Amino acid sequence: MTTSDMTADGTADEGPESRRLDGNAAAGPLRELFSVDIIAAACTCAHCGGTTALAEHVLYADAPALVLRCPSCTGVVLRYASAGGQARLDLTGARLLVLDLAHDGRPG
């Protein structure tokens, strides 16, 4: 180890690689997210910036996928389809989803 591998207090600097994990480490936190009722989420539209609950968005269910559009600008915020044992969720039209969780971090 060289002095460039040390921090100011003399401990070893592990570098950014020591903080890097593979995607499997996200399973626990993401399980919490995907176990809640997403329709109650406040959704910020990527097109107009308006924020409304997903329940208030306009649903088009007669296409091959469910399509939710912003009630303000009609931009597509969410598309969902499932077929052949796979689910596809496209949120490119949603800038942010805010979900309320109970105090213990589990869905309320």
Protein backbone atom coordinates (compact mmCIF):
# COMPACT_ATOMS: atom_id res chain seq x y z
CA MET A 1 0.00 0.00 0.00
CA THR A 2 1.32 3.44 -0.88
CA THR A 3 0.56 6.74 0.80
CA SER A 4 -1.80 7.54 -2.08
CA ASP A 5 -3.90 4.56 -0.93
CA MET A 6 -4.43 6.14 2.49
CA THR A 7 -7.00 8.68 3.66
CA ALA A 8 -6.08 11.81 5.64
CA ASP A 9 -6.57 9.97 8.95
CA GLY A 10 -4.22 7.15 7.92
CA THR A 11 -6.85 4.49 7.18
CA ALA A 12 -6.88 2.54 3.93
CA ASP A 13 -8.83 4.12 1.08
CA GLU A 14 -10.88 1.35 -0.48
CA GLY A 15 -11.94 3.57 -3.42
CA PRO A 16 -15.29 3.66 -5.21
CA GLU A 17 -15.08 -0.04 -6.08
CA SER A 18 -15.51 -0.92 -2.39
CA ARG A 19 -18.97 0.72 -2.42
CA ARG A 20 -20.08 -0.92 -5.66
CA LEU A 21 -22.41 -3.92 -5.45
CA ASP A 22 -24.22 -5.84 -8.15
CA GLY A 23 -27.92 -5.28 -8.79
CA ASN A 24 -28.94 -8.18 -6.54
CA ALA A 25 -28.25 -5.96 -3.53
CA ALA A 26 -31.25 -3.80 -4.56
CA ALA A 27 -33.70 -6.70 -4.20
CA GLY A 28 -34.73 -5.91 -0.63
CA PRO A 29 -35.43 -2.20 -1.07
CA LEU A 30 -37.14 -2.73 -4.43
CA ARG A 31 -39.33 -5.49 -2.96
CA GLU A 32 -40.64 -2.85 -0.56
CA LEU A 33 -41.48 -0.53 -3.46
CA PHE A 34 -43.23 -3.09 -5.63
CA SER A 35 -45.38 -4.48 -2.82
CA VAL A 36 -47.40 -1.28 -2.38
CA ASP A 37 -50.54 -0.12 -4.17
CA ILE A 38 -48.92 2.01 -6.86
CA ILE A 39 -52.24 3.65 -7.86
CA ALA A 40 -52.06 5.77 -4.68
CA ALA A 41 -48.65 7.13 -5.74
CA ALA A 42 -48.27 10.78 -6.63
CA CYS A 43 -46.88 10.91 -10.15
CA THR A 44 -44.98 13.87 -11.59
CA CYS A 45 -45.43 13.99 -15.35
CA ALA A 46 -42.17 14.20 -17.31
CA HIS A 47 -43.97 16.17 -20.03
CA CYS A 48 -45.70 19.02 -18.15
CA GLY A 49 -44.40 18.67 -14.57
CA GLY A 50 -47.89 18.31 -13.10
CA THR A 51 -48.26 16.05 -10.05
CA THR A 52 -51.37 13.94 -9.49
CA ALA A 53 -52.20 10.54 -8.02
CA LEU A 54 -52.00 7.76 -10.60
CA ALA A 55 -55.64 6.98 -9.74
CA GLU A 56 -56.57 10.36 -11.29
CA HIS A 57 -54.79 9.67 -14.58
CA VAL A 58 -56.71 8.67 -17.70
CA LEU A 59 -56.52 4.93 -18.45
CA TYR A 60 -56.68 3.45 -21.93
CA ALA A 61 -57.15 -0.28 -21.41
CA ASP A 62 -58.23 -1.35 -24.91
CA ALA A 63 -54.71 -1.49 -26.36
CA PRO A 64 -52.26 -4.39 -26.08
CA ALA A 65 -50.95 -2.60 -22.96
CA LEU A 66 -52.51 -0.50 -20.20
CA VAL A 67 -51.69 3.14 -20.91
CA LEU A 68 -52.02 5.86 -18.26
CA ARG A 69 -52.00 9.46 -19.49
CA CYS A 70 -51.51 12.66 -17.52
CA PRO A 71 -54.85 14.36 -16.79
CA SER A 72 -53.26 17.79 -17.44
CA CYS A 73 -51.41 17.36 -20.74
CA THR A 74 -52.44 13.83 -21.87
CA GLY A 75 -48.78 12.73 -22.10
CA VAL A 76 -48.20 9.01 -21.57
CA VAL A 77 -46.75 8.46 -18.07
CA LEU A 78 -47.03 4.69 -17.70
CA ARG A 79 -47.41 1.64 -19.92
CA TYR A 80 -47.87 -1.88 -18.58
CA ALA A 81 -48.25 -5.18 -20.40
CA SER A 82 -47.89 -8.82 -19.48
CA ALA A 83 -47.66 -11.77 -21.81
CA GLY A 84 -45.76 -15.00 -22.09
CA GLY A 85 -44.85 -15.02 -18.40
CA GLN A 86 -43.24 -11.56 -18.56
CA ALA A 87 -44.36 -8.18 -17.25
CA ARG A 88 -43.25 -4.94 -18.92
CA LEU A 89 -43.48 -1.62 -17.13
CA ASP A 90 -42.50 1.60 -18.91
CA LEU A 91 -42.33 4.72 -16.72
CA THR A 92 -40.39 7.00 -19.08
CA GLY A 93 -43.21 9.56 -18.97
CA ALA A 94 -43.10 9.74 -15.18
CA ARG A 95 -40.42 11.98 -13.73
CA LEU A 96 -41.11 10.88 -10.15
CA LEU A 97 -43.41 8.51 -8.24
CA VAL A 98 -43.93 9.23 -4.53
CA LEU A 99 -45.33 6.39 -2.43
CA ASP A 100 -46.38 6.65 1.22
CA LEU A 101 -44.94 3.89 3.41
CA ALA A 102 -45.79 3.00 7.03
CA HIS A 103 -43.35 4.05 9.78
CA ASP A 104 -41.64 0.67 9.85
CA GLY A 105 -40.78 0.91 6.15
CA ARG A 106 -43.38 -1.64 5.14
CA PRO A 107 -46.38 -0.79 2.99
CA GLY A 108 -49.12 0.92 4.98
